[in-house]
Amino acid sequence: MGSENHYFLQSLPEDSTPNLSSLLFKASTNISLDDPRSLLGREFPGFSLFDGDILVAGEGTNYTNMPMESPPPQEVLNIEQEAKLQNTEKLENAKANESADTPLSTGKRKMVYIYFSHNRESFLPYLKGVKDPNLAHHSKINVTKIGDRLKSQFESNGIGTVVEKADIMDKLNKKGWTYGRSYDESRNVVQAAMTKNDDLTYFIDIHRDSRRKKDTTKKINGKSYAKLAFVIGAEHSKYEKNLKLANKIHKKLEKKYPGLSRGIIQKKGAHTNGKFNQDLSEKAMLVEFGGVDNTFEELNRSADAFADVLSEIFWDAEEVSNTVNEKGEKK
């Protein structure tokens, strides 16, 4: 339309005009020059595991380094065969940052629910002798420790928080279900929690990426952080609300912790989940914390930053809705 009537072009940014040759090439070959996956995506079995769309790109994020989850070999999921631990001496002594006293509090009400669909996702620095990212799984040292840090930070900001540490992998094994059904099992856990507590409002599924350190780490003010990525399922009615929340968190992170967020990735289609239990709430999200090479020093800094930003969003929303007073009571 802009080619026919130049008036339409006046309202567009200078770099937004599409390249006609690229559009024609994509239409005729189904290959996008901006997305190298499209060249091979239909040729190799299993290549769809890398599928997804970048809705908001963070610093350095492109289609060659998007968050990636690869199912682990079955043998590594057996506790009897898991790796010995190392470098764990300081983990229990890591304390959350002290936040300033806040007059705001949810009181006894628990508003944030943190859970782990892939609860045994772990980190190579703590697994003795393990080099293969696909083997970075452990029943004790894993992403659940990020939940502990987040809970401490949220509650220091006056927000009651629940950390659900159900061993999803153990539940799958007992039912004879495959790893691919992790979200089905975690869904049962989340729904049970919602039935018991209707105050729960924010639902955060914590994961870690399979990417290596160069894609999952950022230095901010001389300190190393594990980068964050938001994965949004697009095949349900609450998709737009969840996307709006993720975008708000991303923008605040960009302002306060530049480069920490890798952006927002949308998942849909025949070969992916498409929901990730986010259809259960308008304030649900899946967050990838770092990758297989990150340390808990880096992960804890990122957890503090994430809690800082989401706490601001939480209290801004509560002020607007006017549902909570200083004693945590509904008005």
C-alpha atoms as a PDB file:
ATOM      1  CA  MET A   1       0.000   0.000   0.000  1.00  0.00           C
ATOM      2  CA  GLY A   2       2.885   2.322   0.787  1.00  0.00           C
ATOM      3  CA  SER A   3       4.334   1.745  -2.670  1.00  0.00           C
ATOM      4  CA  GLU A   4       1.069   2.844  -4.238  1.00  0.00           C
ATOM      5  CA  ASN A   5       0.293   5.677  -1.862  1.00  0.00           C
ATOM      6  CA  HIS A   6       3.319   7.309  -0.193  1.00  0.00           C
ATOM      7  CA  TYR A   7       1.080   8.883   2.442  1.00  0.00           C
ATOM      8  CA  PHE A   8       1.057   5.551   4.322  1.00  0.00           C
ATOM      9  CA  LEU A   9       4.845   5.519   4.551  1.00  0.00           C
ATOM     10  CA  GLN A  10       4.925   8.799   6.494  1.00  0.00           C
ATOM     11  CA  SER A  11       3.672   7.118   9.674  1.00  0.00           C
ATOM     12  CA  LEU A  12       6.292   4.342   9.596  1.00  0.00           C
ATOM     13  CA  PRO A  13       9.838   4.388  10.977  1.00  0.00           C
ATOM     14  CA  GLU A  14      12.470   4.704   8.295  1.00  0.00           C
ATOM     15  CA  ASP A  15      13.733   1.130   8.757  1.00  0.00           C
ATOM     16  CA  SER A  16      10.311  -0.528   8.779  1.00  0.00           C
ATOM     17  CA  THR A  17       9.681  -0.720   5.036  1.00  0.00           C
ATOM     18  CA  PRO A  18       9.788  -4.396   4.037  1.00  0.00           C
ATOM     19  CA  ASN A  19      12.266  -5.625   1.457  1.00  0.00           C
ATOM     20  CA  LEU A  20      10.205  -6.707  -1.563  1.00  0.00           C
ATOM     21  CA  SER A  21      12.780  -9.218  -2.811  1.00  0.00           C
ATOM     22  CA  SER A  22      12.958 -10.883   0.618  1.00  0.00           C
ATOM     23  CA  LEU A  23       9.168 -11.136   0.776  1.00  0.00           C
ATOM     24  CA  LEU A  24       8.996 -12.713  -2.676  1.00  0.00           C
ATOM     25  CA  PHE A  25      11.786 -15.153  -1.845  1.00  0.00           C
ATOM     26  CA  LYS A  26      10.054 -16.222   1.384  1.00  0.00           C
ATOM     27  CA  ALA A  27       6.704 -16.596  -0.372  1.00  0.00           C
ATOM     28  CA  SER A  28       8.137 -18.778  -3.132  1.00  0.00           C
ATOM     29  CA  THR A  29      10.545 -20.934  -1.072  1.00  0.00           C
ATOM     30  CA  ASN A  30       9.128 -20.766   2.481  1.00  0.00           C
ATOM     31  CA  ILE A  31      12.626 -19.738   3.604  1.00  0.00           C
ATOM     32  CA  SER A  32      13.216 -16.564   5.628  1.00  0.00           C
ATOM     33  CA  LEU A  33      16.582 -14.869   5.177  1.00  0.00           C
ATOM     34  CA  ASP A  34      16.269 -13.577   8.770  1.00  0.00           C
ATOM     35  CA  ASP A  35      15.739 -17.053  10.217  1.00  0.00           C
ATOM     36  CA  PRO A  36      18.347 -19.711   9.331  1.00  0.00           C
ATOM     37  CA  ARG A  37      16.177 -22.434  10.868  1.00  0.00           C
ATOM     38  CA  SER A  38      13.714 -22.151   8.001  1.00  0.00           C
ATOM     39  CA  LEU A  39      16.332 -23.544   5.600  1.00  0.00           C
ATOM     40  CA  LEU A  40      16.580 -26.885   7.420  1.00  0.00           C
ATOM     41  CA  GLY A  41      13.565 -26.961   9.708  1.00  0.00           C
ATOM     42  CA  ARG A  42      11.493 -29.250   7.489  1.00  0.00           C
ATOM     43  CA  GLU A  43      14.370 -31.461   6.407  1.00  0.00           C
ATOM     44  CA  PHE A  44      15.644 -32.903   9.696  1.00  0.00           C
ATOM     45  CA  PRO A  45      13.551 -34.925  12.171  1.00  0.00           C
ATOM     46  CA  GLY A  46      13.399 -33.283  15.581  1.00  0.00           C
ATOM     47  CA  PHE A  47      14.573 -29.907  14.292  1.00  0.00           C
ATOM     48  CA  SER A  48      11.250 -28.458  15.451  1.00  0.00           C
ATOM     49  CA  LEU A  49      12.632 -28.609  19.022  1.00  0.00           C
ATOM     50  CA  PHE A  50      14.394 -25.358  18.141  1.00  0.00           C
ATOM     51  CA  ASP A  51      11.223 -23.728  16.856  1.00  0.00           C
ATOM     52  CA  GLY A  52       9.684 -20.576  18.279  1.00  0.00           C
ATOM     53  CA  ASP A  53       9.329 -16.909  17.463  1.00  0.00           C
ATOM     54  CA  ILE A  54      11.198 -14.016  19.020  1.00  0.00           C
ATOM     55  CA  LEU A  55       8.541 -11.490  19.981  1.00  0.00           C
ATOM     56  CA  VAL A  56      10.923  -9.204  21.856  1.00  0.00           C
ATOM     57  CA  ALA A  57      14.665  -9.571  21.340  1.00  0.00           C
ATOM     58  CA  GLY A  58      16.960  -8.755  24.220  1.00  0.00           C
ATOM     59  CA  GLU A  59      20.596  -7.801  23.793  1.00  0.00           C
ATOM     60  CA  GLY A  60      22.346 -10.335  21.536  1.00  0.00           C
ATOM     61  CA  THR A  61      19.269 -12.533  21.074  1.00  0.00           C
ATOM     62  CA  ASN A  62      18.631 -13.960  17.610  1.00  0.00           C
ATOM     63  CA  TYR A  63      17.396 -17.171  16.015  1.00  0.00           C
ATOM     64  CA  THR A  64      20.782 -18.868  16.404  1.00  0.00           C
ATOM     65  CA  ASN A  65      20.863 -18.626  20.212  1.00  0.00           C
ATOM     66  CA  MET A  66      17.246 -18.807  21.317  1.00  0.00           C
ATOM     67  CA  PRO A  67      16.515 -20.660  24.573  1.00  0.00           C
ATOM     68  CA  MET A  68      16.627 -24.402  23.960  1.00  0.00           C
ATOM     69  CA  GLU A  69      15.375 -27.313  26.023  1.00  0.00           C
ATOM     70  CA  SER A  70      16.683 -30.733  25.066  1.00  0.00           C
ATOM     71  CA  PRO A  71      15.195 -33.804  26.783  1.00  0.00           C
ATOM     72  CA  PRO A  72      17.860 -35.596  28.849  1.00  0.00           C
ATOM     73  CA  PRO A  73      18.742 -39.268  28.337  1.00  0.00           C
ATOM     74  CA  GLN A  74      16.508 -41.483  30.469  1.00  0.00           C
ATOM     75  CA  GLU A  75      19.427 -42.917  32.435  1.00  0.00           C
ATOM     76  CA  VAL A  76      20.420 -39.526  33.854  1.00  0.00           C
ATOM     77  CA  LEU A  77      16.956 -39.155  35.370  1.00  0.00           C
ATOM     78  CA  ASN A  78      17.514 -42.115  37.689  1.00  0.00           C
ATOM     79  CA  ILE A  79      18.750 -40.935  41.088  1.00  0.00           C
ATOM     80  CA  GLU A  80      20.921 -44.043  41.420  1.00  0.00           C
ATOM     81  CA  GLN A  81      22.991 -42.927  38.411  1.00  0.00           C
ATOM     82  CA  GLU A  82      23.230 -39.188  38.986  1.00  0.00           C
ATOM     83  CA  ALA A  83      26.584 -37.414  39.262  1.00  0.00           C
ATOM     84  CA  LYS A  84      28.457 -36.678  42.471  1.00  0.00           C
ATOM     85  CA  LEU A  85      28.375 -33.056  43.602  1.00  0.00           C
ATOM     86  CA  GLN A  86      31.170 -30.497  43.867  1.00  0.00           C
ATOM     87  CA  ASN A  87      31.608 -26.791  44.745  1.00  0.00           C
ATOM     88  CA  THR A  88      28.582 -26.839  47.034  1.00  0.00           C
ATOM     89  CA  GLU A  89      30.216 -25.645  50.263  1.00  0.00           C
ATOM     90  CA  LYS A  90      29.053 -22.032  50.014  1.00  0.00           C
ATOM     91  CA  LEU A  91      25.568 -22.627  48.639  1.00  0.00           C
ATOM     92  CA  GLU A  92      23.755 -22.991  51.958  1.00  0.00           C
ATOM     93  CA  ASN A  93      25.380 -19.833  53.328  1.00  0.00           C
ATOM     94  CA  ALA A  94      24.337 -17.589  50.456  1.00  0.00           C
ATOM     95  CA  LYS A  95      22.057 -14.923  51.895  1.00  0.00           C
ATOM     96  CA  ALA A  96      19.573 -12.789  50.012  1.00  0.00           C
ATOM     97  CA  ASN A  97      20.059  -9.047  49.840  1.00  0.00           C
ATOM     98  CA  GLU A  98      18.439  -7.075  52.612  1.00  0.00           C
ATOM     99  CA  SER A  99      15.671  -4.858  51.263  1.00  0.00           C
ATOM    100  CA  ALA A 100      14.553  -1.621  52.837  1.00  0.00           C
ATOM    101  CA  ASP A 101      11.576  -1.815  55.161  1.00  0.00           C
ATOM    102  CA  THR A 102       8.336  -1.439  53.262  1.00  0.00           C
ATOM    103  CA  PRO A 103       4.995  -0.346  54.722  1.00  0.00           C
ATOM    104  CA  LEU A 104       3.298  -2.612  52.188  1.00  0.00           C
ATOM    105  CA  SER A 105       2.583  -6.235  52.962  1.00  0.00           C
ATOM    106  CA  THR A 106       0.211  -8.945  51.839  1.00  0.00           C
ATOM    107  CA  GLY A 107       0.142 -10.162  55.431  1.00  0.00           C
ATOM    108  CA  LYS A 108      -0.701 -13.850  55.652  1.00  0.00           C
ATOM    109  CA  ARG A 109      -1.859 -13.958  52.058  1.00  0.00           C
ATOM    110  CA  LYS A 110       0.372 -15.879  49.654  1.00  0.00           C
ATOM    111  CA  MET A 111       0.267 -14.171  46.269  1.00  0.00           C
ATOM    112  CA  VAL A 112       3.201 -15.609  44.299  1.00  0.00           C
ATOM    113  CA  TYR A 113       3.492 -19.291  43.422  1.00  0.00           C
ATOM    114  CA  ILE A 114       6.863 -20.593  42.227  1.00  0.00           C
ATOM    115  CA  TYR A 115       7.155 -24.089  40.786  1.00  0.00           C
ATOM    116  CA  PHE A 116       9.387 -26.211  38.547  1.00  0.00           C
ATOM    117  CA  SER A 117       8.076 -28.360  35.698  1.00  0.00           C
ATOM    118  CA  HIS A 118      11.641 -29.575  35.102  1.00  0.00           C
ATOM    119  CA  ASN A 119      12.672 -29.563  38.740  1.00  0.00           C
ATOM    120  CA  ARG A 120      15.941 -31.500  38.294  1.00  0.00           C
ATOM    121  CA  GLU A 121      17.499 -29.112  35.765  1.00  0.00           C
ATOM    122  CA  SER A 122      20.941 -28.448  37.205  1.00  0.00           C
ATOM    123  CA  PHE A 123      24.229 -26.681  36.453  1.00  0.00           C
ATOM    124  CA  LEU A 124      27.530 -28.172  35.304  1.00  0.00           C
ATOM    125  CA  PRO A 125      29.803 -26.331  37.811  1.00  0.00           C
ATOM    126  CA  TYR A 126      28.245 -28.469  40.581  1.00  0.00           C
ATOM    127  CA  LEU A 127      28.265 -31.854  38.835  1.00  0.00           C
ATOM    128  CA  LYS A 128      31.576 -33.643  39.173  1.00  0.00           C
ATOM    129  CA  GLY A 129      32.956 -34.997  35.913  1.00  0.00           C
ATOM    130  CA  VAL A 130      29.942 -33.928  33.832  1.00  0.00           C
ATOM    131  CA  LYS A 131      30.637 -31.956  30.644  1.00  0.00           C
ATOM    132  CA  ASP A 132      27.633 -32.779  28.456  1.00  0.00           C
ATOM    133  CA  PRO A 133      24.830 -30.165  28.821  1.00  0.00           C
ATOM    134  CA  ASN A 134      22.227 -32.896  28.268  1.00  0.00           C
ATOM    135  CA  LEU A 135      23.410 -34.574  31.465  1.00  0.00           C
ATOM    136  CA  ALA A 136      23.026 -31.500  33.685  1.00  0.00           C
ATOM    137  CA  HIS A 137      20.284 -32.891  35.919  1.00  0.00           C
ATOM    138  CA  HIS A 138      20.324 -33.612  39.658  1.00  0.00           C
ATOM    139  CA  SER A 139      17.769 -34.365  42.363  1.00  0.00           C
ATOM    140  CA  LYS A 140      19.368 -32.113  45.012  1.00  0.00           C
ATOM    141  CA  ILE A 141      21.279 -29.256  43.399  1.00  0.00           C
ATOM    142  CA  ASN A 142      18.999 -27.785  40.762  1.00  0.00           C
ATOM    143  CA  VAL A 143      16.681 -24.914  39.818  1.00  0.00           C
ATOM    144  CA  THR A 144      14.632 -25.266  43.001  1.00  0.00           C
ATOM    145  CA  LYS A 145      17.351 -23.334  44.842  1.00  0.00           C
ATOM    146  CA  ILE A 146      16.486 -20.316  42.659  1.00  0.00           C
ATOM    147  CA  GLY A 147      12.969 -20.552  44.061  1.00  0.00           C
ATOM    148  CA  ASP A 148      14.322 -20.255  47.612  1.00  0.00           C
ATOM    149  CA  ARG A 149      16.177 -17.083  46.672  1.00  0.00           C
ATOM    150  CA  LEU A 150      13.126 -15.598  44.971  1.00  0.00           C
ATOM    151  CA  LYS A 151      10.903 -16.369  47.953  1.00  0.00           C
ATOM    152  CA  SER A 152      13.325 -14.597  50.287  1.00  0.00           C
ATOM    153  CA  GLN A 153      13.419 -11.532  48.052  1.00  0.00           C
ATOM    154  CA  PHE A 154       9.675 -11.349  47.431  1.00  0.00           C
ATOM    155  CA  GLU A 155       8.887 -11.655  51.121  1.00  0.00           C
ATOM    156  CA  SER A 156      11.454  -8.999  51.994  1.00  0.00           C
ATOM    157  CA  ASN A 157       9.360  -6.802  49.690  1.00  0.00           C
ATOM    158  CA  GLY A 158       6.182  -7.696  51.562  1.00  0.00           C
ATOM    159  CA  ILE A 159       4.821 -10.255  49.101  1.00  0.00           C
ATOM    160  CA  GLY A 160       3.781 -13.636  50.498  1.00  0.00           C
ATOM    161  CA  THR A 161       5.272 -16.425  48.369  1.00  0.00           C
ATOM    162  CA  VAL A 162       4.955 -20.196  48.044  1.00  0.00           C
ATOM    163  CA  VAL A 163       7.737 -22.373  46.601  1.00  0.00           C
ATOM    164  CA  GLU A 164       6.432 -25.704  45.346  1.00  0.00           C
ATOM    165  CA  LYS A 165       9.211 -28.314  45.272  1.00  0.00           C
ATOM    166  CA  ALA A 166       7.232 -31.333  44.156  1.00  0.00           C
ATOM    167  CA  ASP A 167       9.589 -33.759  42.402  1.00  0.00           C
ATOM    168  CA  ILE A 168       7.869 -33.795  39.019  1.00  0.00           C
ATOM    169  CA  MET A 169      10.416 -36.248  37.618  1.00  0.00           C
ATOM    170  CA  ASP A 170       9.725 -38.723  40.410  1.00  0.00           C
ATOM    171  CA  LYS A 171       5.994 -38.415  39.794  1.00  0.00           C
ATOM    172  CA  LEU A 172       6.519 -39.081  36.084  1.00  0.00           C
ATOM    173  CA  ASN A 173       8.608 -42.163  36.827  1.00  0.00           C
ATOM    174  CA  LYS A 174       5.984 -43.571  39.173  1.00  0.00           C
ATOM    175  CA  LYS A 175       3.267 -43.102  36.555  1.00  0.00           C
ATOM    176  CA  GLY A 176       5.390 -44.444  33.734  1.00  0.00           C
ATOM    177  CA  TRP A 177       5.108 -41.123  31.913  1.00  0.00           C
ATOM    178  CA  THR A 178       7.833 -39.719  29.673  1.00  0.00           C
ATOM    179  CA  TYR A 179       9.778 -36.509  30.271  1.00  0.00           C
ATOM    180  CA  GLY A 180       7.653 -34.878  27.576  1.00  0.00           C
ATOM    181  CA  ARG A 181       4.663 -34.995  29.910  1.00  0.00           C
ATOM    182  CA  SER A 182       6.311 -32.847  32.584  1.00  0.00           C
ATOM    183  CA  TYR A 183       3.844 -30.007  32.033  1.00  0.00           C
ATOM    184  CA  ASP A 184       0.889 -32.374  32.399  1.00  0.00           C
ATOM    185  CA  GLU A 185       2.166 -33.428  35.811  1.00  0.00           C
ATOM    186  CA  SER A 186       3.114 -29.926  36.985  1.00  0.00           C
ATOM    187  CA  ARG A 187      -0.347 -28.797  35.870  1.00  0.00           C
ATOM    188  CA  ASN A 188      -1.887 -31.185  38.412  1.00  0.00           C
ATOM    189  CA  VAL A 189       0.320 -29.660  41.111  1.00  0.00           C
ATOM    190  CA  VAL A 190      -0.551 -26.069  40.175  1.00  0.00           C
ATOM    191  CA  GLN A 191      -4.276 -26.752  39.978  1.00  0.00           C
ATOM    192  CA  ALA A 192      -4.213 -28.374  43.411  1.00  0.00           C
ATOM    193  CA  ALA A 193      -2.494 -25.279  44.840  1.00  0.00           C
ATOM    194  CA  MET A 194      -5.040 -22.977  43.204  1.00  0.00           C
ATOM    195  CA  THR A 195      -7.879 -24.986  44.737  1.00  0.00           C
ATOM    196  CA  LYS A 196      -6.386 -24.654  48.217  1.00  0.00           C
ATOM    197  CA  ASN A 197      -5.506 -20.952  47.972  1.00  0.00           C
ATOM    198  CA  ASP A 198      -7.458 -18.518  45.812  1.00  0.00           C
ATOM    199  CA  ASP A 199      -5.110 -15.659  46.805  1.00  0.00           C
ATOM    200  CA  LEU A 200      -2.407 -17.009  44.490  1.00  0.00           C
ATOM    201  CA  THR A 201      -2.051 -14.544  41.633  1.00  0.00           C
ATOM    202  CA  TYR A 202       1.374 -14.831  39.982  1.00  0.00           C
ATOM    203  CA  PHE A 203       2.535 -18.245  38.757  1.00  0.00           C
ATOM    204  CA  ILE A 204       6.233 -18.599  37.867  1.00  0.00           C
ATOM    205  CA  ASP A 205       7.658 -21.765  36.335  1.00  0.00           C
ATOM    206  CA  ILE A 206      11.465 -21.676  36.735  1.00  0.00           C
ATOM    207  CA  HIS A 207      13.750 -23.427  34.226  1.00  0.00           C
ATOM    208  CA  ARG A 208      17.336 -23.224  33.025  1.00  0.00           C
ATOM    209  CA  ASP A 209      18.447 -23.097  29.398  1.00  0.00           C
ATOM    210  CA  SER A 210      20.654 -25.702  27.698  1.00  0.00           C
ATOM    211  CA  ARG A 211      22.706 -22.946  26.034  1.00  0.00           C
ATOM    212  CA  ARG A 212      26.312 -22.313  27.046  1.00  0.00           C
ATOM    213  CA  LYS A 213      27.719 -19.448  29.079  1.00  0.00           C
ATOM    214  CA  LYS A 214      28.419 -17.002  26.245  1.00  0.00           C
ATOM    215  CA  ASP A 215      24.675 -16.849  25.502  1.00  0.00           C
ATOM    216  CA  THR A 216      23.402 -16.917  29.083  1.00  0.00           C
ATOM    217  CA  THR A 217      25.678 -14.549  31.002  1.00  0.00           C
ATOM    218  CA  LYS A 218      25.894 -10.768  31.282  1.00  0.00           C
ATOM    219  CA  LYS A 219      28.184  -8.454  33.233  1.00  0.00           C
ATOM    220  CA  ILE A 220      26.418  -5.502  34.823  1.00  0.00           C
ATOM    221  CA  ASN A 221      28.431  -2.964  36.824  1.00  0.00           C
ATOM    222  CA  GLY A 222      31.328  -5.396  36.970  1.00  0.00           C
ATOM    223  CA  LYS A 223      29.262  -8.315  38.317  1.00  0.00           C
ATOM    224  CA  SER A 224      28.270 -11.442  36.419  1.00  0.00           C
ATOM    225  CA  TYR A 225      24.571 -12.278  36.067  1.00  0.00           C
ATOM    226  CA  ALA A 226      22.717 -15.253  34.582  1.00  0.00           C
ATOM    227  CA  LYS A 227      20.544 -13.881  31.798  1.00  0.00           C
ATOM    228  CA  LEU A 228      16.765 -14.341  31.841  1.00  0.00           C
ATOM    229  CA  ALA A 229      14.466 -15.375  29.011  1.00  0.00           C
ATOM    230  CA  PHE A 230      10.664 -15.419  28.993  1.00  0.00           C
ATOM    231  CA  VAL A 231       8.832 -18.200  27.159  1.00  0.00           C
ATOM    232  CA  ILE A 232       5.164 -17.595  26.374  1.00  0.00           C
ATOM    233  CA  GLY A 233       2.747 -20.242  25.132  1.00  0.00           C
ATOM    234  CA  ALA A 234       0.478 -18.747  22.464  1.00  0.00           C
ATOM    235  CA  GLU A 235      -2.278 -21.352  22.156  1.00  0.00           C
ATOM    236  CA  HIS A 236      -4.759 -20.283  24.796  1.00  0.00           C
ATOM    237  CA  SER A 237      -7.101 -17.408  25.626  1.00  0.00           C
ATOM    238  CA  LYS A 238      -4.885 -15.808  28.294  1.00  0.00           C
ATOM    239  CA  TYR A 239      -1.929 -15.482  25.937  1.00  0.00           C
ATOM    240  CA  GLU A 240      -2.185 -11.702  25.427  1.00  0.00           C
ATOM    241  CA  LYS A 241      -2.426 -10.951  29.155  1.00  0.00           C
ATOM    242  CA  ASN A 242       0.601 -13.125  29.901  1.00  0.00           C
ATOM    243  CA  LEU A 243       2.540 -11.547  27.056  1.00  0.00           C
ATOM    244  CA  LYS A 244       1.693  -8.078  28.363  1.00  0.00           C
ATOM    245  CA  LEU A 245       3.076  -8.973  31.798  1.00  0.00           C
ATOM    246  CA  ALA A 246       6.255 -10.515  30.363  1.00  0.00           C
ATOM    247  CA  ASN A 247       6.793  -7.431  28.219  1.00  0.00           C
ATOM    248  CA  LYS A 248       6.386  -5.169  31.236  1.00  0.00           C
ATOM    249  CA  ILE A 249       8.970  -7.180  33.187  1.00  0.00           C
ATOM    250  CA  HIS A 250      11.361  -7.182  30.218  1.00  0.00           C
ATOM    251  CA  LYS A 251      11.148  -3.398  29.821  1.00  0.00           C
ATOM    252  CA  LYS A 252      11.772  -2.769  33.525  1.00  0.00           C
ATOM    253  CA  LEU A 253      14.725  -5.151  33.496  1.00  0.00           C
ATOM    254  CA  GLU A 254      16.144  -3.333  30.474  1.00  0.00           C
ATOM    255  CA  LYS A 255      15.885  -0.040  32.336  1.00  0.00           C
ATOM    256  CA  LYS A 256      17.326  -1.181  35.682  1.00  0.00           C
ATOM    257  CA  TYR A 257      19.586  -4.057  34.561  1.00  0.00           C
ATOM    258  CA  PRO A 258      20.483  -3.441  30.899  1.00  0.00           C
ATOM    259  CA  GLY A 259      21.177  -6.618  28.952  1.00  0.00           C
ATOM    260  CA  LEU A 260      19.898  -9.001  31.621  1.00  0.00           C
ATOM    261  CA  SER A 261      16.798 -10.043  29.677  1.00  0.00           C
ATOM    262  CA  ARG A 262      17.248 -12.132  26.547  1.00  0.00           C
ATOM    263  CA  GLY A 263      13.722 -11.196  25.530  1.00  0.00           C
ATOM    264  CA  ILE A 264      10.398 -12.949  24.999  1.00  0.00           C
ATOM    265  CA  ILE A 265      10.018 -16.145  22.993  1.00  0.00           C
ATOM    266  CA  GLN A 266       6.649 -17.356  21.739  1.00  0.00           C
ATOM    267  CA  LYS A 267       5.955 -21.067  21.376  1.00  0.00           C
ATOM    268  CA  LYS A 268       3.095 -22.618  19.425  1.00  0.00           C
ATOM    269  CA  GLY A 269       2.438 -25.304  16.859  1.00  0.00           C
ATOM    270  CA  ALA A 270       2.221 -29.059  16.530  1.00  0.00           C
ATOM    271  CA  HIS A 271       5.642 -29.823  17.976  1.00  0.00           C
ATOM    272  CA  THR A 272       5.583 -27.743  21.152  1.00  0.00           C
ATOM    273  CA  ASN A 273       3.430 -27.407  24.247  1.00  0.00           C
ATOM    274  CA  GLY A 274       1.742 -24.135  23.312  1.00  0.00           C
ATOM    275  CA  LYS A 275       0.410 -23.533  26.828  1.00  0.00           C
ATOM    276  CA  PHE A 276       3.001 -24.348  29.525  1.00  0.00           C
ATOM    277  CA  ASN A 277       0.115 -24.142  32.044  1.00  0.00           C
ATOM    278  CA  GLN A 278      -0.169 -20.421  31.328  1.00  0.00           C
ATOM    279  CA  ASP A 279      -3.822 -20.891  30.416  1.00  0.00           C
ATOM    280  CA  LEU A 280      -4.482 -21.288  34.148  1.00  0.00           C
ATOM    281  CA  SER A 281      -3.805 -17.618  34.949  1.00  0.00           C
ATOM    282  CA  GLU A 282      -3.536 -14.191  33.344  1.00  0.00           C
ATOM    283  CA  LYS A 283      -0.330 -13.688  35.345  1.00  0.00           C
ATOM    284  CA  ALA A 284       1.627 -16.821  34.487  1.00  0.00           C
ATOM    285  CA  MET A 285       5.100 -17.096  33.023  1.00  0.00           C
ATOM    286  CA  LEU A 286       7.941 -19.477  32.256  1.00  0.00           C
ATOM    287  CA  VAL A 287      11.355 -17.980  33.001  1.00  0.00           C
ATOM    288  CA  GLU A 288      14.663 -19.474  31.876  1.00  0.00           C
ATOM    289  CA  PHE A 289      17.306 -18.605  34.486  1.00  0.00           C
ATOM    290  CA  GLY A 290      20.751 -18.782  32.922  1.00  0.00           C
ATOM    291  CA  GLY A 291      22.158 -21.905  31.292  1.00  0.00           C
ATOM    292  CA  VAL A 292      24.059 -25.062  32.141  1.00  0.00           C
ATOM    293  CA  ASP A 293      27.328 -23.212  32.877  1.00  0.00           C
ATOM    294  CA  ASN A 294      26.033 -20.575  35.273  1.00  0.00           C
ATOM    295  CA  THR A 295      26.845 -20.527  38.988  1.00  0.00           C
ATOM    296  CA  PHE A 296      24.490 -19.784  41.856  1.00  0.00           C
ATOM    297  CA  GLU A 297      26.357 -16.532  42.515  1.00  0.00           C
ATOM    298  CA  GLU A 298      25.216 -15.420  39.059  1.00  0.00           C
ATOM    299  CA  LEU A 299      21.773 -16.971  39.387  1.00  0.00           C
ATOM    300  CA  ASN A 300      21.148 -15.357  42.777  1.00  0.00           C
ATOM    301  CA  ARG A 301      21.986 -11.899  41.429  1.00  0.00           C
ATOM    302  CA  SER A 302      19.495 -12.472  38.638  1.00  0.00           C
ATOM    303  CA  ALA A 303      16.873 -13.738  41.079  1.00  0.00           C
ATOM    304  CA  ASP A 304      17.331 -10.568  43.130  1.00  0.00           C
ATOM    305  CA  ALA A 305      16.943  -8.410  40.012  1.00  0.00           C
ATOM    306  CA  PHE A 306      13.860 -10.314  38.850  1.00  0.00           C
ATOM    307  CA  ALA A 307      12.224 -10.097  42.288  1.00  0.00           C
ATOM    308  CA  ASP A 308      13.048  -6.390  42.465  1.00  0.00           C
ATOM    309  CA  VAL A 309      11.305  -5.673  39.168  1.00  0.00           C
ATOM    310  CA  LEU A 310       8.298  -7.945  39.674  1.00  0.00           C
ATOM    311  CA  SER A 311       7.781  -6.563  43.184  1.00  0.00           C
ATOM    312  CA  GLU A 312       7.510  -3.064  41.721  1.00  0.00           C
ATOM    313  CA  ILE A 313       4.986  -4.294  39.169  1.00  0.00           C
ATOM    314  CA  PHE A 314       3.038  -6.150  41.851  1.00  0.00           C
ATOM    315  CA  TRP A 315       2.663  -3.163  44.155  1.00  0.00           C
ATOM    316  CA  ASP A 316       1.894  -0.798  41.293  1.00  0.00           C
ATOM    317  CA  ALA A 317      -0.934  -3.132  40.274  1.00  0.00           C
ATOM    318  CA  GLU A 318      -2.185  -3.463  43.842  1.00  0.00           C
ATOM    319  CA  GLU A 319      -2.236   0.311  44.241  1.00  0.00           C
ATOM    320  CA  VAL A 320      -4.279   0.671  41.073  1.00  0.00           C
ATOM    321  CA  SER A 321      -6.736  -2.077  42.014  1.00  0.00           C
ATOM    322  CA  ASN A 322      -6.796  -0.864  45.641  1.00  0.00           C
ATOM    323  CA  THR A 323      -7.246  -4.398  46.949  1.00  0.00           C
ATOM    324  CA  VAL A 324      -4.664  -4.511  49.724  1.00  0.00           C
ATOM    325  CA  ASN A 325      -4.106  -2.220  52.687  1.00  0.00           C
ATOM    326  CA  GLU A 326      -0.951  -1.947  54.822  1.00  0.00           C
ATOM    327  CA  LYS A 327      -2.022  -4.936  56.935  1.00  0.00           C
ATOM    328  CA  GLY A 328      -2.427  -7.170  53.912  1.00  0.00           C
ATOM    329  CA  GLU A 329      -6.236  -7.148  54.172  1.00  0.00           C
ATOM    330  CA  LYS A 330      -8.573  -7.042  51.195  1.00  0.00           C
ATOM    331  CA  LYS A 331     -10.539  -3.822  50.930  1.00  0.00           C
END
